[in-house]
C-alpha atoms as a PDB file:
ATOM      1  CA  MET A   1     -29.653  95.847 -87.366  1.00  0.00           C
ATOM      2  CA  THR A   2     -31.438  99.084 -86.691  1.00  0.00           C
ATOM      3  CA  ASP A   3     -35.233  99.229 -86.503  1.00  0.00           C
ATOM      4  CA  ARG A   4     -35.297 101.030 -89.864  1.00  0.00           C
ATOM      5  CA  GLU A   5     -33.129  98.349 -91.472  1.00  0.00           C
ATOM      6  CA  GLU A   6     -35.489  95.678 -90.146  1.00  0.00           C
ATOM      7  CA  GLN A   7     -38.404  97.590 -91.692  1.00  0.00           C
ATOM      8  CA  VAL A   8     -36.602  97.644 -95.035  1.00  0.00           C
ATOM      9  CA  VAL A   9     -35.844  93.908 -94.826  1.00  0.00           C
ATOM     10  CA  ASN A  10     -39.476  93.105 -94.032  1.00  0.00           C
ATOM     11  CA  LEU A  11     -40.735  95.214 -96.921  1.00  0.00           C
ATOM     12  CA  VAL A  12     -38.266  93.565 -99.320  1.00  0.00           C
ATOM     13  CA  ALA A  13     -39.364  90.135 -98.076  1.00  0.00           C
ATOM     14  CA  ASP A  14     -42.977  91.142 -98.702  1.00  0.00           C
ATOM     15  CA  GLY A  15     -42.067  91.885-102.327  1.00  0.00           C
ATOM     16  CA  ALA A  16     -41.869  95.681-102.262  1.00  0.00           C
ATOM     17  CA  GLY A  17     -39.527  97.411-104.691  1.00  0.00           C
ATOM     18  CA  ASN A  18     -37.168 100.226-103.769  1.00  0.00           C
ATOM     19  CA  ARG A  19     -39.579 102.951-104.913  1.00  0.00           C
ATOM     20  CA  ALA A  20     -42.474 101.477-102.899  1.00  0.00           C
ATOM     21  CA  ILE A  21     -40.257 101.104 -99.831  1.00  0.00           C
ATOM     22  CA  ALA A  22     -39.134 104.719-100.138  1.00  0.00           C
ATOM     23  CA  GLN A  23     -42.703 105.958-100.433  1.00  0.00           C
ATOM     24  CA  GLN A  24     -43.937 103.870 -97.534  1.00  0.00           C
ATOM     25  CA  LEU A  25     -41.109 104.935 -95.219  1.00  0.00           C
ATOM     26  CA  GLY A  26     -41.038 108.564 -96.379  1.00  0.00           C
ATOM     27  CA  ILE A  27     -37.427 108.449 -97.557  1.00  0.00           C
ATOM     28  CA  LYS A  28     -35.660 108.788-100.887  1.00  0.00           C
ATOM     29  CA  GLU A  29     -35.157 105.811-103.168  1.00  0.00           C
ATOM     30  CA  ASN A  30     -31.390 106.383-103.034  1.00  0.00           C
ATOM     31  CA  THR A  31     -31.561 106.053 -99.230  1.00  0.00           C
ATOM     32  CA  VAL A  32     -33.253 102.674 -99.656  1.00  0.00           C
ATOM     33  CA  LYS A  33     -30.449 101.541-101.988  1.00  0.00           C
ATOM     34  CA  LYS A  34     -27.779 102.647 -99.515  1.00  0.00           C
ATOM     35  CA  SER A  35     -29.652 100.953 -96.673  1.00  0.00           C
ATOM     36  CA  LEU A  36     -29.799  97.711 -98.649  1.00  0.00           C
ATOM     37  CA  THR A  37     -26.049  97.831 -99.236  1.00  0.00           C
ATOM     38  CA  ARG A  38     -25.438  98.207 -95.481  1.00  0.00           C
ATOM     39  CA  ILE A  39     -27.924  95.426 -94.728  1.00  0.00           C
ATOM     40  CA  TYR A  40     -26.218  93.085 -97.215  1.00  0.00           C
ATOM     41  CA  ASP A  41     -22.890  93.741 -95.512  1.00  0.00           C
ATOM     42  CA  LYS A  42     -24.271  93.214 -92.010  1.00  0.00           C
ATOM     43  CA  LEU A  43     -26.015  89.957 -92.890  1.00  0.00           C
ATOM     44  CA  GLY A  44     -23.351  88.585 -95.197  1.00  0.00           C
ATOM     45  CA  VAL A  45     -25.677  88.325 -98.196  1.00  0.00           C
ATOM     46  CA  SER A  46     -24.843  89.541-101.670  1.00  0.00           C
ATOM     47  CA  ASN A  47     -28.215  90.245-103.293  1.00  0.00           C
ATOM     48  CA  ARG A  48     -31.933  90.777-102.819  1.00  0.00           C
ATOM     49  CA  VAL A  49     -32.800  87.090-103.281  1.00  0.00           C
ATOM     50  CA  GLU A  50     -30.447  86.026-100.497  1.00  0.00           C
ATOM     51  CA  LEU A  51     -31.875  88.789 -98.306  1.00  0.00           C
ATOM     52  CA  VAL A  52     -35.411  87.488 -98.865  1.00  0.00           C
ATOM     53  CA  LEU A  53     -34.294  83.932 -98.061  1.00  0.00           C
ATOM     54  CA  TYR A  54     -32.695  85.199 -94.863  1.00  0.00           C
ATOM     55  CA  ALA A  55     -35.816  87.151 -93.879  1.00  0.00           C
ATOM     56  CA  LEU A  56     -38.153  84.238 -94.566  1.00  0.00           C
ATOM     57  CA  THR A  57     -35.927  81.912 -92.552  1.00  0.00           C
ATOM     58  CA  GLN A  58     -36.026  84.339 -89.650  1.00  0.00           C
ATOM     59  CA  ARG A  59     -39.831  84.513 -89.854  1.00  0.00           C
ATOM     60  CA  LYS A  60     -40.031  80.724 -89.798  1.00  0.00           C
ATOM     61  CA  VAL A  61     -37.762  80.573 -86.725  1.00  0.00           C
ATOM     62  CA  GLU A  62     -39.802  83.283 -85.000  1.00  0.00           C
ATOM     63  CA  GLN A  63     -43.027  81.404 -85.809  1.00  0.00           C
ATOM     64  CA  ALA A  64     -41.670  78.381 -83.985  1.00  0.00           C
ATOM     65  CA  ILE A  65     -41.012  80.609 -80.972  1.00  0.00           C
ATOM     66  CA  ALA A  66     -44.086  82.890 -81.308  1.00  0.00           C
ATOM     67  CA  PRO A  67     -46.891  81.011 -83.096  1.00  0.00           C
ATOM     68  CA  GLY A  68     -49.099  84.092 -83.610  1.00  0.00           C
ATOM     69  CA  MET A  69     -46.869  85.614 -86.302  1.00  0.00           C
ATOM     70  CA  PRO A  70     -47.908  85.574 -89.994  1.00  0.00           C
ATOM     71  CA  GLU A  71     -46.987  82.333 -91.726  1.00  0.00           C
ATOM     72  CA  VAL A  72     -44.442  81.918 -94.496  1.00  0.00           C
ATOM     73  CA  PRO A  73     -46.245  80.814 -97.680  1.00  0.00           C
ATOM     74  CA  GLU A  74     -45.694  77.081 -98.159  1.00  0.00           C
ATOM     75  CA  ALA A  75     -44.476  77.545-101.745  1.00  0.00           C
ATOM     76  CA  ILE A  76     -41.487  79.516-100.496  1.00  0.00           C
ATOM     77  CA  ALA A  77     -40.896  77.755 -97.195  1.00  0.00           C
ATOM     78  CA  MET A  78     -37.232  77.445 -96.374  1.00  0.00           C
ATOM     79  CA  ASP A  79     -37.265  73.656 -96.178  1.00  0.00           C
ATOM     80  CA  ARG A  80     -37.669  73.686 -99.981  1.00  0.00           C
ATOM     81  CA  VAL A  81     -34.756  76.059-100.599  1.00  0.00           C
ATOM     82  CA  THR A  82     -31.090  75.669 -99.726  1.00  0.00           C
ATOM     83  CA  PRO A  83     -29.628  79.109 -98.985  1.00  0.00           C
ATOM     84  CA  LYS A  84     -25.886  79.727 -99.392  1.00  0.00           C
ATOM     85  CA  ILE A  85     -25.756  81.270 -95.916  1.00  0.00           C
ATOM     86  CA  ASN A  86     -26.367  79.970 -92.423  1.00  0.00           C
ATOM     87  CA  PRO A  87     -29.135  82.280 -91.162  1.00  0.00           C
ATOM     88  CA  PHE A  88     -28.775  81.028 -87.587  1.00  0.00           C
ATOM     89  CA  ALA A  89     -25.170  82.164 -87.452  1.00  0.00           C
ATOM     90  CA  LEU A  90     -26.101  85.521 -88.973  1.00  0.00           C
ATOM     91  CA  SER A  91     -28.713  86.218 -86.312  1.00  0.00           C
ATOM     92  CA  LEU A  92     -25.912  86.284 -83.751  1.00  0.00           C
ATOM     93  CA  LYS A  93     -24.059  89.173 -85.419  1.00  0.00           C
ATOM     94  CA  ALA A  94     -23.934  92.446 -83.518  1.00  0.00           C
ATOM     95  CA  ASN A  95     -25.386  95.654 -84.934  1.00  0.00           C
END
């Protein structure tokens, strides 16, 4: 994924809506929607919920590697949710 796409994913995972993402990144809301469509395709997810699950799983994996990163709230920790996708396989996809 591009740096911009990673920014969008992180903002979605933090709960931001398309309008807030657009304002924060200085782009149009339609650009955010198009970016999300490309991100869904790249990661093999089909909606915003699956994207958030993917992002939170990645944060949890990164926390195990780099303990100084912000923690995933316990209420939404991935060990309590069974995603339809294998996030470890997805992280190996090329840009």
